[in-house]
Amino acid sequence: MKQRIFTIILSCLFIFNIMAQQKVIQTAGHDVLGEFAPEFAHLNDDILFGEVWSRNNLLSLRDRSLVTMTALISQGITDSSLMHHLQNAKKNGITRTEAAEIITHIAFYAGWPKAWAAFRLAKEVWADDVTGDDAKAAFQREMIFPIGEPNTAYAKYFVGNSYLAPMSTKQIPFSNVTFEPRCRNNWHIHKASKGGGQMLVGVAGRGWYQEEGKPAVEILPGTVILIPANVKHWHGAAKDSWFAHLAFSVPGESSENIWLEPVSDEEYDKLK
């Protein structure tokens, strides 16, 4: 077993080494600007890509793609040049899930609107990574965040099937939570003696949020729900739609989740 693991590690190192030493060939500069600006074409194709991108001492092509994605998105450059580098990033081994995580991380430093613009392009580039004709696969194609795995750890607190994709466990922990139609979590409370609570951001589909004693609020992509600590509430999908939201845990003192009774069919079916 140890020998097999060692062999796999060596294979991975060999693949990354090949990727790092691979020569990048670029002709776009000469093709588009060869006659108009031959020196710029030379600098673009032969220097930037032919030498800088092909330097093999420290960074692999995958690393260089990650750095370039970050630099372009941070500057708000979300045109064809970013599309080109996203396509290269995919070729250089950055997966759909990793791309989502990278852009999400950039959002907190470069700005939310820049991330949204980048996600629109990334969604196109990695669209082929999600295949299938069932409702779950179709819903996954609607959003850049992964659906994740069945939410078995908390299944007893949900009516219907839900899925969980942890996105970050550092700074501000958050996950993408996906609900099948009619799925909702139980009434619950995010208890805290100070601070605490939760924030939801609608990602795809249509869902509901409700605090005890108040009307339910519809959640659509881009809807932000601020949930204070110590408030009884529930959230989940609409009857006729898959639904996903990002769930951010707000830091607090003496924080804990208190799970309560399910949302009854009678209560839920009153929602349109």
Protein backbone atom coordinates (compact mmCIF):
# COMPACT_ATOMS: atom_id res chain seq x y z
CA MET A 1 0.00 0.00 0.00
CA LYS A 2 2.83 2.40 0.94
CA GLN A 3 4.63 1.56 -2.31
CA ARG A 4 1.46 2.27 -4.31
CA ILE A 5 0.96 5.66 -2.61
CA PHE A 6 4.64 6.50 -3.23
CA THR A 7 4.24 5.60 -6.92
CA ILE A 8 1.16 7.82 -7.23
CA ILE A 9 2.98 10.74 -5.61
CA LEU A 10 5.93 10.33 -7.97
CA SER A 11 3.56 10.23 -10.94
CA CYS A 12 1.87 13.45 -9.82
CA LEU A 13 5.23 15.15 -9.35
CA PHE A 14 6.29 14.03 -12.81
CA ILE A 15 3.08 15.43 -14.37
CA PHE A 16 3.48 18.80 -12.61
CA ASN A 17 7.14 18.92 -13.61
CA ILE A 18 6.22 18.39 -17.26
CA MET A 19 3.55 21.07 -16.97
CA ALA A 20 6.06 23.52 -15.49
CA GLN A 21 8.61 22.90 -18.27
CA GLN A 22 6.18 22.90 -21.17
CA LYS A 23 6.97 25.56 -23.79
CA VAL A 24 4.10 27.98 -24.38
CA ILE A 25 3.54 28.75 -28.05
CA GLN A 26 1.50 31.88 -28.81
CA THR A 27 0.82 33.41 -32.24
CA ALA A 28 -2.09 35.77 -31.48
CA GLY A 29 0.12 38.87 -31.55
CA HIS A 30 1.58 38.09 -34.96
CA ASP A 31 -1.81 36.96 -36.32
CA VAL A 32 -3.66 40.12 -35.26
CA LEU A 33 -0.99 42.83 -35.06
CA GLY A 34 1.93 41.45 -37.04
CA GLU A 35 1.73 44.09 -39.76
CA PHE A 36 0.36 46.99 -37.68
CA ALA A 37 2.58 46.61 -34.60
CA PRO A 38 5.23 43.97 -35.24
CA GLU A 39 7.30 44.88 -32.18
CA PHE A 40 4.27 44.57 -29.87
CA ALA A 41 3.43 41.24 -31.53
CA HIS A 42 6.99 40.08 -30.87
CA LEU A 43 6.85 41.15 -27.22
CA ASN A 44 3.47 39.48 -26.75
CA ASP A 45 4.18 36.15 -28.45
CA ASP A 46 7.90 35.67 -28.05
CA ILE A 47 8.68 37.44 -24.76
CA LEU A 48 5.52 37.36 -22.62
CA PHE A 49 4.36 33.89 -23.62
CA GLY A 50 7.51 32.46 -25.16
CA GLU A 51 9.79 33.38 -22.24
CA VAL A 52 7.91 34.63 -19.17
CA TRP A 53 5.17 31.99 -19.29
CA SER A 54 7.75 29.34 -20.15
CA ARG A 55 10.10 30.07 -17.26
CA ASN A 56 10.35 26.72 -15.49
CA ASN A 57 12.32 27.29 -12.31
CA LEU A 58 9.63 28.24 -9.78
CA LEU A 59 6.06 28.31 -11.11
CA SER A 60 4.10 25.76 -13.13
CA LEU A 61 1.70 26.81 -15.89
CA ARG A 62 -1.11 26.09 -13.46
CA ASP A 63 0.40 28.50 -10.91
CA ARG A 64 0.88 31.15 -13.59
CA SER A 65 -2.75 30.78 -14.68
CA LEU A 66 -3.92 31.25 -11.11
CA VAL A 67 -1.80 34.40 -10.70
CA THR A 68 -2.98 35.80 -14.04
CA MET A 69 -6.65 35.14 -13.25
CA THR A 70 -6.24 36.98 -9.95
CA ALA A 71 -4.45 39.95 -11.53
CA LEU A 72 -6.99 40.44 -14.33
CA ILE A 73 -10.09 40.03 -12.15
CA SER A 74 -8.66 42.35 -9.49
CA GLN A 75 -8.28 45.05 -12.13
CA GLY A 76 -11.82 44.51 -13.38
CA ILE A 77 -10.61 43.18 -16.74
CA THR A 78 -13.39 40.78 -17.70
CA ASP A 79 -13.24 40.94 -21.49
CA SER A 80 -11.91 38.47 -24.07
CA SER A 81 -8.45 38.51 -22.46
CA LEU A 82 -9.84 37.07 -19.23
CA MET A 83 -11.83 34.53 -21.24
CA HIS A 84 -8.59 33.48 -22.96
CA HIS A 85 -6.80 33.07 -19.64
CA LEU A 86 -9.70 31.19 -18.08
CA GLN A 87 -9.59 28.77 -21.01
CA ASN A 88 -5.84 28.41 -20.48
CA ALA A 89 -6.40 27.88 -16.76
CA LYS A 90 -8.71 24.99 -17.54
CA LYS A 91 -6.13 23.51 -19.94
CA ASN A 92 -3.46 23.97 -17.26
CA GLY A 93 -5.37 21.87 -14.75
CA ILE A 94 -7.54 24.29 -12.74
CA THR A 95 -10.84 22.54 -12.12
CA ARG A 96 -14.33 24.02 -12.08
CA THR A 97 -14.52 23.75 -8.29
CA GLU A 98 -11.10 25.37 -7.89
CA ALA A 99 -12.05 28.20 -10.27
CA ALA A 100 -15.16 28.89 -8.18
CA GLU A 101 -13.08 28.96 -5.01
CA ILE A 102 -10.41 31.21 -6.56
CA ILE A 103 -12.93 33.78 -7.78
CA THR A 104 -14.84 33.64 -4.49
CA HIS A 105 -11.60 34.35 -2.61
CA ILE A 106 -10.75 37.24 -4.98
CA ALA A 107 -14.21 38.76 -4.34
CA PHE A 108 -13.33 39.60 -0.75
CA TYR A 109 -10.23 41.53 -1.80
CA ALA A 110 -11.07 42.93 -5.24
CA GLY A 111 -14.83 43.48 -4.97
CA TRP A 112 -18.08 41.59 -5.37
CA PRO A 113 -19.09 43.09 -8.79
CA LYS A 114 -15.75 42.06 -10.31
CA ALA A 115 -16.30 38.50 -9.10
CA TRP A 116 -19.81 38.38 -10.57
CA ALA A 117 -18.44 39.52 -13.94
CA ALA A 118 -15.69 36.89 -13.79
CA PHE A 119 -18.16 34.16 -12.83
CA ARG A 120 -20.22 34.82 -15.98
CA LEU A 121 -17.18 34.00 -18.11
CA ALA A 122 -15.99 31.12 -15.92
CA LYS A 123 -19.43 29.53 -16.12
CA GLU A 124 -19.05 29.35 -19.92
CA VAL A 125 -15.52 27.99 -19.80
CA TRP A 126 -16.30 25.18 -17.37
CA ALA A 127 -19.84 24.48 -18.63
CA ASP A 128 -18.83 21.18 -20.25
CA ASP A 129 -17.63 19.84 -16.91
CA VAL A 130 -21.21 19.20 -15.86
CA THR A 131 -23.05 16.66 -17.97
CA GLY A 132 -26.35 14.84 -17.67
CA ASP A 133 -30.00 15.41 -18.39
CA ASP A 134 -31.56 14.95 -14.97
CA ALA A 135 -32.91 17.87 -12.93
CA LYS A 136 -29.93 17.96 -10.56
CA ALA A 137 -27.39 18.10 -13.41
CA ALA A 138 -29.44 20.75 -15.19
CA PHE A 139 -29.50 22.86 -12.02
CA GLN A 140 -25.74 22.47 -11.58
CA ARG A 141 -25.25 23.93 -15.06
CA GLU A 142 -27.07 27.07 -13.89
CA MET A 143 -24.50 28.00 -11.27
CA ILE A 144 -20.76 28.20 -10.89
CA PHE A 145 -20.65 26.88 -7.32
CA PRO A 146 -20.65 23.10 -6.92
CA ILE A 147 -23.72 21.33 -5.55
CA GLY A 148 -21.47 19.22 -3.37
CA GLU A 149 -22.23 16.00 -1.58
CA PRO A 150 -25.46 14.77 0.07
CA ASN A 151 -25.88 16.60 3.36
CA THR A 152 -26.03 13.39 5.38
CA ALA A 153 -24.63 14.87 8.60
CA TYR A 154 -27.63 17.18 8.93
CA ALA A 155 -30.21 15.11 7.05
CA LYS A 156 -32.33 14.61 10.19
CA TYR A 157 -32.85 18.38 10.36
CA PHE A 158 -34.15 18.66 6.78
CA VAL A 159 -37.38 17.71 5.01
CA GLY A 160 -36.23 16.35 1.62
CA ASN A 161 -32.74 16.06 0.16
CA SER A 162 -30.08 18.74 0.51
CA TYR A 163 -26.45 18.98 -0.57
CA LEU A 164 -23.46 20.71 1.00
CA ALA A 165 -20.32 22.13 -0.62
CA PRO A 166 -17.99 23.76 1.95
CA MET A 167 -16.27 26.71 0.25
CA SER A 168 -14.07 28.03 3.07
CA THR A 169 -13.31 27.19 6.69
CA LYS A 170 -11.06 30.21 7.33
CA GLN A 171 -11.75 33.86 8.17
CA ILE A 172 -15.50 33.72 7.49
CA PRO A 173 -16.61 30.08 7.08
CA PHE A 174 -19.22 29.54 4.38
CA SER A 175 -20.75 26.81 2.24
CA ASN A 176 -22.97 26.45 -0.79
CA VAL A 177 -26.16 24.68 0.29
CA THR A 178 -28.45 23.18 -2.38
CA PHE A 179 -32.06 22.10 -1.83
CA GLU A 180 -34.21 19.96 -4.11
CA PRO A 181 -37.78 21.23 -4.71
CA ARG A 182 -39.82 21.32 -1.46
CA CYS A 183 -36.72 20.67 0.65
CA ARG A 184 -36.33 22.91 3.70
CA ASN A 185 -34.50 22.81 7.00
CA ASN A 186 -36.21 22.68 10.39
CA TRP A 187 -36.91 25.74 12.43
CA HIS A 188 -33.66 26.58 14.18
CA ILE A 189 -31.79 29.25 16.11
CA HIS A 190 -28.17 30.41 15.83
CA LYS A 191 -27.55 31.11 19.48
CA ALA A 192 -24.78 33.44 20.64
CA SER A 193 -24.12 35.55 23.70
CA LYS A 194 -22.45 38.19 21.52
CA GLY A 195 -22.26 38.60 17.73
CA GLY A 196 -23.16 35.46 15.83
CA GLY A 197 -25.99 34.82 13.41
CA GLN A 198 -25.84 33.95 9.72
CA MET A 199 -25.94 35.56 6.27
CA LEU A 200 -27.49 33.92 3.20
CA VAL A 201 -26.87 34.93 -0.42
CA GLY A 202 -29.12 33.45 -3.11
CA VAL A 203 -27.11 31.72 -5.85
CA ALA A 204 -29.59 29.94 -8.15
CA GLY A 205 -33.21 28.88 -8.30
CA ARG A 206 -35.92 30.14 -5.94
CA GLY A 207 -36.33 29.65 -2.22
CA TRP A 208 -37.81 30.98 1.00
CA TYR A 209 -36.66 32.41 4.32
CA GLN A 210 -38.96 32.94 7.28
CA GLU A 211 -38.55 34.23 10.81
CA GLU A 212 -41.01 33.18 13.46
CA GLY A 213 -44.04 35.48 13.53
CA LYS A 214 -43.16 37.15 10.20
CA PRO A 215 -44.17 36.51 6.56
CA ALA A 216 -41.84 34.36 4.45
CA VAL A 217 -39.38 36.22 2.21
CA GLU A 218 -38.60 34.98 -1.30
CA ILE A 219 -34.91 34.35 -2.07
CA LEU A 220 -33.68 34.74 -5.66
CA PRO A 221 -30.13 34.87 -7.07
CA GLY A 222 -28.46 37.88 -5.48
CA THR A 223 -30.90 38.18 -2.55
CA VAL A 224 -29.08 38.80 0.73
CA ILE A 225 -30.67 37.64 3.98
CA LEU A 226 -29.22 38.81 7.30
CA ILE A 227 -30.19 36.50 10.16
CA PRO A 228 -29.61 37.89 13.66
CA ALA A 229 -28.45 35.61 16.43
CA ASN A 230 -31.11 34.10 18.70
CA VAL A 231 -33.91 34.41 16.11
CA LYS A 232 -36.01 31.34 15.26
CA HIS A 233 -36.20 30.81 11.47
CA TRP A 234 -36.03 28.35 8.57
CA HIS A 235 -35.05 28.44 4.88
CA GLY A 236 -35.34 26.16 1.87
CA ALA A 237 -36.49 25.66 -1.71
CA ALA A 238 -39.76 26.63 -3.36
CA LYS A 239 -42.18 23.85 -4.31
CA ASP A 240 -41.35 23.96 -8.01
CA SER A 241 -37.64 24.89 -8.04
CA TRP A 242 -34.23 23.67 -7.06
CA PHE A 243 -32.54 26.27 -4.90
CA ALA A 244 -29.03 27.12 -3.69
CA HIS A 245 -27.64 29.74 -1.36
CA LEU A 246 -24.31 30.59 0.18
CA ALA A 247 -24.47 30.36 3.98
CA PHE A 248 -21.98 32.50 5.91
CA SER A 249 -21.45 31.84 9.61
CA VAL A 250 -21.05 35.13 11.48
CA PRO A 251 -18.45 34.80 14.27
CA GLY A 252 -19.82 35.12 17.78
CA GLU A 253 -19.26 34.16 21.37
CA SER A 254 -20.75 30.96 22.84
CA SER A 255 -22.22 30.14 19.41
CA GLU A 256 -24.28 27.01 18.77
CA ASN A 257 -27.09 25.86 16.51
CA ILE A 258 -30.32 24.82 18.19
CA TRP A 259 -32.43 22.62 15.89
CA LEU A 260 -36.17 22.60 16.50
CA GLU A 261 -39.32 21.16 14.93
CA PRO A 262 -39.79 20.65 11.16
CA VAL A 263 -41.73 23.13 9.04
CA SER A 264 -45.03 21.34 8.55
CA ASP A 265 -46.50 20.67 5.10
CA GLU A 266 -49.48 22.79 6.11
CA GLU A 267 -47.28 25.81 6.84
CA TYR A 268 -45.08 25.24 3.81
CA ASP A 269 -47.94 24.74 1.33
CA LYS A 270 -49.30 28.19 2.08
CA LEU A 271 -46.31 29.66 0.22
CA LYS A 272 -46.73 30.35 -3.51
